[in-house]
Amino acid sequence: MIILLSGIICLLAFATGNTIKKQESTGERFVCTALPPDATPGCSMPGFTPEEELRATVIQLRETILQQKETIGNQKETIRELTAKLNRCESLSEDGKHGTWKKLTGKSGGKDTMGDLPRDPSQVIDQLSRTMQTLKDRLENLEHQLRSNVSYSALPPDLREMLQRRLGDLEHQLLNKVAELEDEKSLLHNESAAHRHRTESTLTALLERVSELEKGSTAFKSPDDFKVSLPLRTNYLYGKIKKTLPELFAFTICMWLKSSASPGIGTPFSYAVQGQANEIVLIEWGNHPIELLINDKVAQLPFSLGDGKWHHICITWTTRDGMWEAYLDGVKLGSGENLAPWHPIKPNGILILGQEQDTVGGRFDATQAFVGELSQFNIWDRVLKTEDIISIANCTTNMPGNIIPWADNNVDVFGGATKLPLDACEERLIDL
């Protein structure tokens, strides 16, 4: 031990010669030599008295002690910082899954529909993987700095083992959290599938119930003694004729209707085919007069229907010269020609009661919806004689349409529209 101390003193004296008296002009220098074990330790410093040598040795030892003390202080500070960071990392891994997410990401987040987890659990797993890698990099960097700044002789021998052990523990805990989140993601998927199945079952039952309501009562005195009620101006209340039209070169369309809607009663019926949404339309929209559209060509009809009473209307048309006639309560009030002349009515379209179609069977506009009640909607493939129309309007004859007859099993209602019992002729007599 004495030999080692003497060697250190000699080296320090040589390295810090500026603090010890020497004659640079004469080229003097210090020489330290290793001594045998049985020799008296010492360091030869020519030109110095024993007292000066002892004084210089004491000064150098004091400086060495101060330097070692400063180095140890720096080492302790580094170790404290590393320990604090490790403790913070361990505290993150010991938190619950919600706290872990908030601390790792630095976000508190708002309330989510799935709890405090993000909407996509895979994002949590990715975030935790990135955080784990970041922590590993930081720990490795700290370990590298420690190796660079602290000599291995001064570092506690178990510090590196402790670092590696804590790093392994932290990595294991983070991997466990990732596995838990993967399990939760699977559970969430299963719960979502079960919830979707329950929702679909409920919707199916609801649709079945709505379908039953839409079919309405079948306890009518006869299959044609009913009306379709459309009480609101919406884009979802309507009736649909199950049958479609063949190709027509002439037609007669008759119906009973009652409305007090203003402005305009809307669209009592519309027939749309592929490529032409306005193949046949009867509409009174806004402050415009009631119009008949055939192949998107327009004829204005000379009557009004919004007085809240039951009225019988009939419209006839033929492709020859596009001739048309309009009857109100059995009286012909208007006629004309050149309405889509030589254009046959296209087949296989959709007949809608109460809505104007912008596409075949859909894209209804609430502002064009019919508000009121409809009954006895019949279509023939010919122009009826005037006396036949008068007889139908006066209820002296019953003449169902040979193409589209008014029958309960031929009309479906949707969106809250209803089918109710009605004898149109009795109602007409009451209004009169």
Protein backbone atom coordinates (compact mmCIF):
# COMPACT_ATOMS: atom_id res chain seq x y z
CA MET A 1 0.00 0.00 0.00
CA ILE A 2 2.86 2.32 0.84
CA ILE A 3 4.55 1.52 -2.49
CA LEU A 4 1.34 2.32 -4.38
CA LEU A 5 0.93 5.62 -2.52
CA SER A 6 4.51 6.58 -3.26
CA GLY A 7 4.02 5.80 -6.94
CA ILE A 8 0.90 7.97 -7.05
CA ILE A 9 2.73 10.82 -5.33
CA CYS A 10 5.54 10.65 -7.86
CA LEU A 11 3.22 10.64 -10.84
CA LEU A 12 1.19 13.54 -9.45
CA ALA A 13 4.33 15.47 -8.72
CA PHE A 14 5.52 14.93 -12.28
CA ALA A 15 2.13 15.83 -13.87
CA THR A 16 1.65 18.98 -11.83
CA GLY A 17 5.18 20.28 -11.85
CA ASN A 18 3.89 23.85 -12.11
CA THR A 19 3.00 23.71 -8.42
CA ILE A 20 6.40 22.47 -7.37
CA LYS A 21 9.61 24.36 -7.54
CA LYS A 22 11.92 23.29 -10.38
CA GLN A 23 14.62 24.83 -12.56
CA GLU A 24 13.43 24.78 -16.15
CA SER A 25 16.47 26.75 -17.33
CA THR A 26 18.80 23.97 -16.19
CA GLY A 27 16.62 21.25 -17.67
CA GLU A 28 16.05 19.58 -14.31
CA ARG A 29 13.29 16.93 -14.13
CA PHE A 30 11.85 14.41 -11.74
CA VAL A 31 12.39 10.71 -12.13
CA CYS A 32 10.25 8.11 -10.33
CA THR A 33 11.50 4.56 -10.20
CA ALA A 34 9.75 1.38 -9.13
CA LEU A 35 11.32 0.00 -5.92
CA PRO A 36 11.68 -3.56 -4.75
CA PRO A 37 9.27 -4.68 -2.02
CA ASP A 38 11.92 -4.54 0.68
CA ALA A 39 13.23 -1.09 -0.32
CA THR A 40 12.33 2.13 1.44
CA PRO A 41 9.66 3.93 -0.59
CA GLY A 42 10.38 7.39 -1.74
CA CYS A 43 10.62 9.73 -4.67
CA SER A 44 13.83 11.50 -5.57
CA MET A 45 13.37 15.18 -6.28
CA PRO A 46 16.86 16.64 -6.79
CA GLY A 47 17.42 20.18 -5.57
CA PHE A 48 14.80 20.01 -2.81
CA THR A 49 15.39 19.68 0.90
CA PRO A 50 13.42 17.03 2.80
CA GLU A 51 11.18 19.73 4.26
CA GLU A 52 10.39 21.12 0.81
CA GLU A 53 9.71 17.66 -0.52
CA LEU A 54 7.30 16.97 2.35
CA ARG A 55 5.56 20.32 1.88
CA ALA A 56 5.15 19.73 -1.87
CA THR A 57 3.84 16.24 -1.21
CA VAL A 58 1.25 17.54 1.26
CA ILE A 59 0.11 20.24 -1.20
CA GLN A 60 -0.20 17.74 -4.04
CA LEU A 61 -2.11 15.29 -1.86
CA ARG A 62 -4.52 18.07 -0.86
CA GLU A 63 -5.14 18.97 -4.50
CA THR A 64 -5.61 15.31 -5.40
CA ILE A 65 -8.11 14.83 -2.58
CA LEU A 66 -10.08 17.91 -3.72
CA GLN A 67 -10.13 16.66 -7.31
CA GLN A 68 -11.27 13.20 -6.19
CA LYS A 69 -13.94 14.76 -4.00
CA GLU A 70 -15.25 16.82 -6.93
CA THR A 71 -15.22 13.76 -9.19
CA ILE A 72 -17.13 11.71 -6.62
CA GLY A 73 -19.66 14.55 -6.24
CA ASN A 74 -20.25 14.61 -10.00
CA GLN A 75 -20.61 10.83 -9.99
CA LYS A 76 -23.16 10.97 -7.18
CA GLU A 77 -25.18 13.65 -9.01
CA THR A 78 -25.20 11.57 -12.20
CA ILE A 79 -26.31 8.51 -10.24
CA ARG A 80 -29.09 10.52 -8.53
CA GLU A 81 -30.38 11.80 -11.88
CA LEU A 82 -30.32 8.32 -13.35
CA THR A 83 -32.10 6.86 -10.30
CA ALA A 84 -34.78 9.58 -10.45
CA LYS A 85 -35.42 8.91 -14.14
CA LEU A 86 -35.63 5.19 -13.50
CA ASN A 87 -38.10 5.77 -10.67
CA ARG A 88 -40.25 7.91 -12.97
CA CYS A 89 -40.20 5.18 -15.60
CA GLU A 90 -41.18 2.58 -13.00
CA SER A 91 -44.02 4.79 -11.74
CA LEU A 92 -45.36 4.96 -15.31
CA SER A 93 -45.40 1.20 -15.61
CA GLU A 94 -47.16 0.77 -12.24
CA ASP A 95 -50.08 3.05 -13.12
CA GLY A 96 -53.41 1.74 -14.44
CA LYS A 97 -54.04 1.48 -18.12
CA HIS A 98 -55.79 4.88 -18.28
CA GLY A 99 -53.16 6.70 -16.25
CA THR A 100 -50.42 5.03 -18.24
CA TRP A 101 -51.85 6.30 -21.48
CA LYS A 102 -52.18 9.84 -20.15
CA LYS A 103 -48.65 9.97 -18.70
CA LEU A 104 -46.93 8.36 -21.63
CA THR A 105 -48.59 10.57 -24.17
CA GLY A 106 -48.84 13.72 -22.09
CA LYS A 107 -52.52 14.04 -23.03
CA SER A 108 -55.48 13.97 -20.73
CA GLY A 109 -58.03 13.79 -23.56
CA GLY A 110 -61.74 14.21 -23.39
CA LYS A 111 -64.37 11.61 -22.70
CA ASP A 112 -64.52 9.02 -25.43
CA THR A 113 -67.35 6.72 -26.44
CA MET A 114 -65.17 3.75 -25.51
CA GLY A 115 -64.12 5.18 -22.09
CA ASP A 116 -60.70 6.82 -21.64
CA LEU A 117 -59.13 4.70 -24.39
CA PRO A 118 -58.71 6.22 -27.85
CA ARG A 119 -61.25 5.18 -30.45
CA ASP A 120 -58.72 2.80 -32.09
CA PRO A 121 -56.91 0.54 -29.57
CA SER A 122 -54.22 -0.23 -32.15
CA GLN A 123 -53.10 3.41 -31.81
CA VAL A 124 -52.52 2.79 -28.09
CA ILE A 125 -50.43 -0.27 -28.85
CA ASP A 126 -48.36 1.65 -31.40
CA GLN A 127 -47.92 4.54 -28.98
CA LEU A 128 -46.79 2.22 -26.18
CA SER A 129 -44.33 0.50 -28.51
CA ARG A 130 -42.85 3.85 -29.51
CA THR A 131 -42.70 4.96 -25.85
CA MET A 132 -41.02 1.72 -24.83
CA GLN A 133 -38.39 2.16 -27.55
CA THR A 134 -37.87 5.79 -26.48
CA LEU A 135 -37.34 4.74 -22.86
CA LYS A 136 -34.90 2.04 -23.92
CA ASP A 137 -32.95 4.56 -26.02
CA ARG A 138 -32.87 7.04 -23.14
CA LEU A 139 -31.66 4.42 -20.68
CA GLU A 140 -29.00 3.20 -23.08
CA ASN A 141 -27.92 6.81 -23.64
CA LEU A 142 -27.71 7.41 -19.90
CA GLU A 143 -25.72 4.22 -19.48
CA HIS A 144 -23.39 5.32 -22.28
CA GLN A 145 -22.95 8.74 -20.65
CA LEU A 146 -22.26 7.09 -17.35
CA ARG A 147 -19.59 4.94 -18.91
CA SER A 148 -18.06 8.01 -20.55
CA ASN A 149 -18.13 10.30 -17.50
CA VAL A 150 -17.52 7.91 -14.61
CA SER A 151 -14.50 5.71 -14.29
CA TYR A 152 -15.26 2.04 -13.76
CA SER A 153 -13.07 2.00 -10.66
CA ALA A 154 -15.26 4.67 -9.02
CA LEU A 155 -18.64 3.29 -10.25
CA PRO A 156 -20.35 0.87 -7.84
CA PRO A 157 -19.88 -2.60 -9.28
CA ASP A 158 -23.61 -3.44 -9.21
CA LEU A 159 -24.85 -0.20 -10.84
CA ARG A 160 -24.73 -1.51 -14.39
CA GLU A 161 -26.47 -4.71 -13.29
CA MET A 162 -29.13 -2.61 -11.56
CA LEU A 163 -29.62 -0.54 -14.70
CA GLN A 164 -29.93 -3.61 -16.89
CA ARG A 165 -32.29 -5.27 -14.41
CA ARG A 166 -34.54 -2.21 -14.16
CA LEU A 167 -34.52 -1.80 -17.91
CA GLY A 168 -35.55 -5.44 -18.31
CA ASP A 169 -38.30 -5.04 -15.70
CA LEU A 170 -39.64 -1.91 -17.40
CA GLU A 171 -39.57 -3.56 -20.81
CA HIS A 172 -41.40 -6.60 -19.40
CA GLN A 173 -44.08 -4.39 -17.80
CA LEU A 174 -44.62 -2.41 -20.99
CA LEU A 175 -44.94 -5.61 -23.02
CA ASN A 176 -47.53 -6.84 -20.53
CA LYS A 177 -49.50 -3.61 -20.99
CA VAL A 178 -49.35 -4.03 -24.75
CA ALA A 179 -50.63 -7.59 -24.42
CA GLU A 180 -53.46 -6.41 -22.15
CA LEU A 181 -54.46 -3.75 -24.68
CA GLU A 182 -54.44 -6.32 -27.47
CA ASP A 183 -56.76 -8.50 -25.39
CA GLU A 184 -59.01 -5.51 -24.73
CA LYS A 185 -59.05 -4.72 -28.44
CA SER A 186 -60.26 -8.25 -29.14
CA LEU A 187 -62.92 -7.91 -26.44
CA LEU A 188 -64.03 -4.57 -27.85
CA HIS A 189 -64.36 -6.15 -31.30
CA ASN A 190 -66.44 -8.99 -29.88
CA GLU A 191 -68.61 -6.58 -27.89
CA SER A 192 -69.10 -4.42 -30.98
CA ALA A 193 -70.18 -7.47 -32.99
CA ALA A 194 -72.62 -8.51 -30.26
CA HIS A 195 -73.96 -4.97 -29.98
CA ARG A 196 -74.37 -4.79 -33.76
CA HIS A 197 -76.23 -8.11 -33.72
CA ARG A 198 -78.57 -6.88 -30.98
CA THR A 199 -79.13 -3.63 -32.85
CA GLU A 200 -79.85 -5.43 -36.09
CA SER A 201 -82.29 -7.75 -34.31
CA THR A 202 -84.07 -4.78 -32.77
CA LEU A 203 -84.23 -2.97 -36.09
CA THR A 204 -85.55 -6.10 -37.80
CA ALA A 205 -88.30 -6.44 -35.22
CA LEU A 206 -89.09 -2.74 -35.56
CA LEU A 207 -89.21 -2.97 -39.35
CA GLU A 208 -91.53 -5.96 -39.13
CA ARG A 209 -93.79 -3.99 -36.82
CA VAL A 210 -93.70 -0.96 -39.12
CA SER A 211 -94.48 -3.19 -42.08
CA GLU A 212 -97.51 -4.51 -40.23
CA LEU A 213 -98.65 -0.97 -39.53
CA GLU A 214 -97.98 0.08 -43.11
CA LYS A 215 -100.17 -2.72 -44.41
CA GLY A 216 -102.99 -1.14 -42.48
CA SER A 217 -106.31 -2.72 -41.68
CA THR A 218 -107.75 -5.29 -44.04
CA ALA A 219 -111.17 -5.09 -42.46
CA PHE A 220 -112.56 -2.92 -45.25
CA LYS A 221 -116.07 -3.56 -46.47
CA SER A 222 -114.60 -4.28 -49.90
CA PRO A 223 -111.01 -4.30 -51.24
CA ASP A 224 -111.40 -0.79 -52.71
CA ASP A 225 -113.15 0.94 -49.79
CA PHE A 226 -110.11 2.60 -48.33
CA LYS A 227 -108.06 5.77 -48.57
CA VAL A 228 -104.38 6.64 -48.21
CA SER A 229 -103.78 9.42 -45.69
CA LEU A 230 -100.70 11.65 -46.06
CA PRO A 231 -101.14 14.25 -43.28
CA LEU A 232 -97.69 15.91 -43.33
CA ARG A 233 -95.54 17.59 -45.96
CA THR A 234 -92.42 15.44 -45.69
CA ASN A 235 -90.12 13.51 -47.98
CA TYR A 236 -90.83 10.15 -46.36
CA LEU A 237 -94.65 9.73 -46.30
CA TYR A 238 -95.87 8.07 -49.46
CA GLY A 239 -97.78 5.20 -51.02
CA LYS A 240 -96.53 2.85 -53.69
CA ILE A 241 -98.49 0.96 -56.33
CA LYS A 242 -97.18 -2.59 -56.53
CA LYS A 243 -98.06 -3.06 -60.18
CA THR A 244 -96.31 -1.20 -62.97
CA LEU A 245 -97.42 0.04 -66.37
CA PRO A 246 -96.97 -1.61 -69.74
CA GLU A 247 -96.11 0.46 -72.77
CA LEU A 248 -99.06 2.80 -73.32
CA PHE A 249 -100.18 4.79 -76.34
CA ALA A 250 -103.17 6.24 -74.45
CA PHE A 251 -104.43 6.31 -70.88
CA THR A 252 -107.10 7.57 -68.52
CA ILE A 253 -106.20 8.22 -64.89
CA CYS A 254 -108.95 8.91 -62.35
CA MET A 255 -108.90 9.37 -58.56
CA TRP A 256 -110.61 10.90 -55.60
CA LEU A 257 -108.60 13.34 -53.53
CA LYS A 258 -109.03 15.80 -50.68
CA SER A 259 -106.55 18.49 -49.65
CA SER A 260 -106.42 21.88 -48.01
CA ALA A 261 -102.66 22.34 -48.26
CA SER A 262 -101.30 25.75 -49.17
CA PRO A 263 -99.51 26.87 -51.19
CA GLY A 264 -100.21 24.03 -53.61
CA ILE A 265 -101.42 20.55 -52.78
CA GLY A 266 -98.16 18.95 -53.94
CA THR A 267 -97.88 15.81 -56.05
CA PRO A 268 -100.84 13.41 -55.93
CA PHE A 269 -98.95 10.85 -58.05
CA SER A 270 -95.84 10.39 -60.19
CA TYR A 271 -94.64 7.70 -62.59
CA ALA A 272 -90.89 7.46 -63.24
CA VAL A 273 -88.96 5.19 -65.60
CA GLN A 274 -85.28 4.66 -66.21
CA GLY A 275 -83.90 7.80 -67.82
CA GLN A 276 -87.06 9.87 -67.26
CA ALA A 277 -88.24 10.74 -63.73
CA ASN A 278 -91.18 12.80 -65.10
CA GLU A 279 -92.80 10.26 -67.41
CA ILE A 280 -96.25 11.04 -65.93
CA VAL A 281 -96.69 13.54 -63.08
CA LEU A 282 -99.60 15.48 -61.63
CA ILE A 283 -98.34 18.35 -59.47
CA GLU A 284 -99.39 21.66 -57.94
CA TRP A 285 -96.24 23.21 -56.51
CA GLY A 286 -96.08 26.52 -54.68
CA ASN A 287 -98.18 29.20 -56.35
CA HIS A 288 -98.06 27.51 -59.76
CA PRO A 289 -101.28 26.09 -61.26
CA ILE A 290 -101.80 22.35 -61.24
CA GLU A 291 -99.82 20.75 -64.07
CA LEU A 292 -99.76 17.50 -66.00
CA LEU A 293 -96.27 16.38 -67.10
CA ILE A 294 -95.72 13.69 -69.72
CA ASN A 295 -92.15 12.93 -70.71
CA ASP A 296 -91.23 16.17 -68.95
CA LYS A 297 -93.58 18.19 -71.23
CA VAL A 298 -96.12 20.37 -69.38
CA ALA A 299 -99.81 21.17 -69.71
CA GLN A 300 -101.53 23.45 -67.18
CA LEU A 301 -104.92 22.25 -65.95
CA PRO A 302 -107.68 24.84 -65.37
CA PHE A 303 -108.87 23.95 -61.89
CA SER A 304 -107.95 24.18 -58.19
CA LEU A 305 -108.21 21.40 -55.62
CA GLY A 306 -107.11 22.89 -52.30
CA ASP A 307 -110.49 23.65 -50.72
CA GLY A 308 -110.41 20.74 -48.26
CA LYS A 309 -113.27 18.84 -49.96
CA TRP A 310 -113.38 15.54 -51.81
CA HIS A 311 -113.06 15.91 -55.58
CA HIS A 312 -113.03 13.42 -58.41
CA ILE A 313 -110.54 14.16 -61.18
CA CYS A 314 -109.89 12.34 -64.47
CA ILE A 315 -107.14 12.96 -67.01
CA THR A 316 -107.05 11.43 -70.48
CA TRP A 317 -104.20 11.45 -72.97
CA THR A 318 -103.29 9.86 -76.30
CA THR A 319 -100.00 9.79 -78.13
CA ARG A 320 -101.80 10.82 -81.35
CA ASP A 321 -101.05 14.55 -81.53
CA GLY A 322 -100.55 14.54 -77.74
CA MET A 323 -104.23 15.30 -77.10
CA TRP A 324 -105.37 15.58 -73.45
CA GLU A 325 -108.55 16.31 -71.45
CA ALA A 326 -109.10 17.20 -67.78
CA TYR A 327 -112.31 16.50 -65.80
CA LEU A 328 -113.24 17.79 -62.36
CA ASP A 329 -116.21 16.11 -60.63
CA GLY A 330 -117.41 14.73 -63.99
CA VAL A 331 -117.15 18.06 -65.85
CA LYS A 332 -114.56 18.58 -68.56
CA LEU A 333 -112.82 21.85 -67.74
CA GLY A 334 -109.84 21.74 -70.08
CA SER A 335 -108.33 20.06 -73.12
CA GLY A 336 -105.39 20.55 -75.44
CA GLU A 337 -102.91 18.87 -77.74
CA ASN A 338 -99.21 18.66 -78.55
CA LEU A 339 -98.42 17.25 -75.08
CA ALA A 340 -95.56 14.81 -75.81
CA PRO A 341 -97.07 13.78 -79.17
CA TRP A 342 -96.16 10.38 -80.58
CA HIS A 343 -94.34 9.46 -77.40
CA PRO A 344 -95.45 6.12 -75.99
CA ILE A 345 -95.43 5.82 -72.19
CA LYS A 346 -92.46 3.67 -71.27
CA PRO A 347 -93.09 0.46 -69.32
CA ASN A 348 -91.71 -1.02 -66.07
CA GLY A 349 -91.55 2.22 -64.11
CA ILE A 350 -92.60 2.96 -60.52
CA LEU A 351 -95.90 4.59 -59.48
CA ILE A 352 -95.71 6.67 -56.29
CA LEU A 353 -98.62 8.29 -54.49
CA GLY A 354 -97.90 11.55 -52.69
CA GLN A 355 -94.33 12.28 -53.85
CA GLU A 356 -92.54 13.58 -56.96
CA GLN A 357 -89.64 11.35 -57.97
CA ASP A 358 -86.30 12.86 -58.93
CA THR A 359 -84.93 9.36 -59.53
CA VAL A 360 -86.84 6.15 -60.08
CA GLY A 361 -88.52 5.39 -56.75
CA GLY A 362 -86.67 8.01 -54.71
CA ARG A 363 -85.09 11.42 -54.02
CA PHE A 364 -88.32 12.95 -52.84
CA ASP A 365 -88.59 16.68 -52.14
CA ALA A 366 -90.74 17.63 -49.14
CA THR A 367 -91.77 20.92 -50.78
CA GLN A 368 -93.41 18.92 -53.59
CA ALA A 369 -95.10 16.34 -51.36
CA PHE A 370 -98.88 15.88 -51.43
CA VAL A 371 -100.73 16.67 -48.21
CA GLY A 372 -104.20 15.19 -47.91
CA GLU A 373 -106.04 11.97 -48.72
CA LEU A 374 -106.30 9.82 -51.86
CA SER A 375 -108.66 7.07 -52.95
CA GLN A 376 -109.87 5.15 -56.02
CA PHE A 377 -106.68 5.64 -58.05
CA ASN A 378 -107.38 3.75 -61.31
CA ILE A 379 -105.63 3.63 -64.70
CA TRP A 380 -106.98 2.39 -68.05
CA ASP A 381 -105.02 1.87 -71.25
CA ARG A 382 -107.49 3.89 -73.33
CA VAL A 383 -109.32 7.19 -73.35
CA LEU A 384 -112.61 6.70 -71.48
CA LYS A 385 -115.79 8.10 -72.90
CA THR A 386 -117.16 11.23 -71.31
CA GLU A 387 -120.29 9.41 -70.11
CA ASP A 388 -118.15 6.79 -68.36
CA ILE A 389 -116.21 9.48 -66.52
CA ILE A 390 -119.44 11.19 -65.48
CA SER A 391 -120.86 7.88 -64.19
CA ILE A 392 -117.75 7.21 -62.13
CA ALA A 393 -117.79 10.73 -60.67
CA ASN A 394 -121.49 10.44 -59.82
CA CYS A 395 -120.97 7.02 -58.22
CA THR A 396 -123.52 5.43 -60.54
CA THR A 397 -121.06 2.88 -61.80
CA ASN A 398 -118.00 1.09 -60.46
CA MET A 399 -115.32 0.70 -63.13
CA PRO A 400 -111.90 -0.45 -61.84
CA GLY A 401 -108.90 0.36 -64.00
CA ASN A 402 -107.97 -2.45 -66.37
CA ILE A 403 -104.23 -1.63 -65.97
CA ILE A 404 -104.05 -0.37 -62.38
CA PRO A 405 -107.12 -1.09 -60.22
CA TRP A 406 -107.56 0.42 -56.76
CA ALA A 407 -107.24 -2.50 -54.37
CA ASP A 408 -105.91 -2.96 -50.86
CA ASN A 409 -103.40 -5.64 -51.85
CA ASN A 410 -102.00 -3.44 -54.62
CA VAL A 411 -101.04 -0.44 -52.44
CA ASP A 412 -98.26 -0.24 -49.84
CA VAL A 413 -97.75 2.76 -47.56
CA PHE A 414 -94.50 4.00 -46.00
CA GLY A 415 -93.07 6.51 -43.53
CA GLY A 416 -96.22 6.91 -41.44
CA ALA A 417 -98.76 7.10 -44.25
CA THR A 418 -101.86 5.07 -43.38
CA LYS A 419 -104.65 3.19 -45.07
CA LEU A 420 -108.08 3.87 -43.54
CA PRO A 421 -111.61 2.77 -44.40
CA LEU A 422 -113.46 5.09 -46.77
CA ASP A 423 -116.50 5.16 -48.99
CA ALA A 424 -115.57 8.00 -51.34
CA CYS A 425 -119.08 8.44 -52.65
CA GLU A 426 -120.55 8.81 -49.16
CA GLU A 427 -117.87 11.34 -48.30
CA ARG A 428 -118.56 13.21 -51.50
CA LEU A 429 -122.27 13.42 -50.64
CA ILE A 430 -121.38 14.80 -47.20
CA ASP A 431 -119.23 17.52 -48.78
CA LEU A 432 -122.06 18.44 -51.12
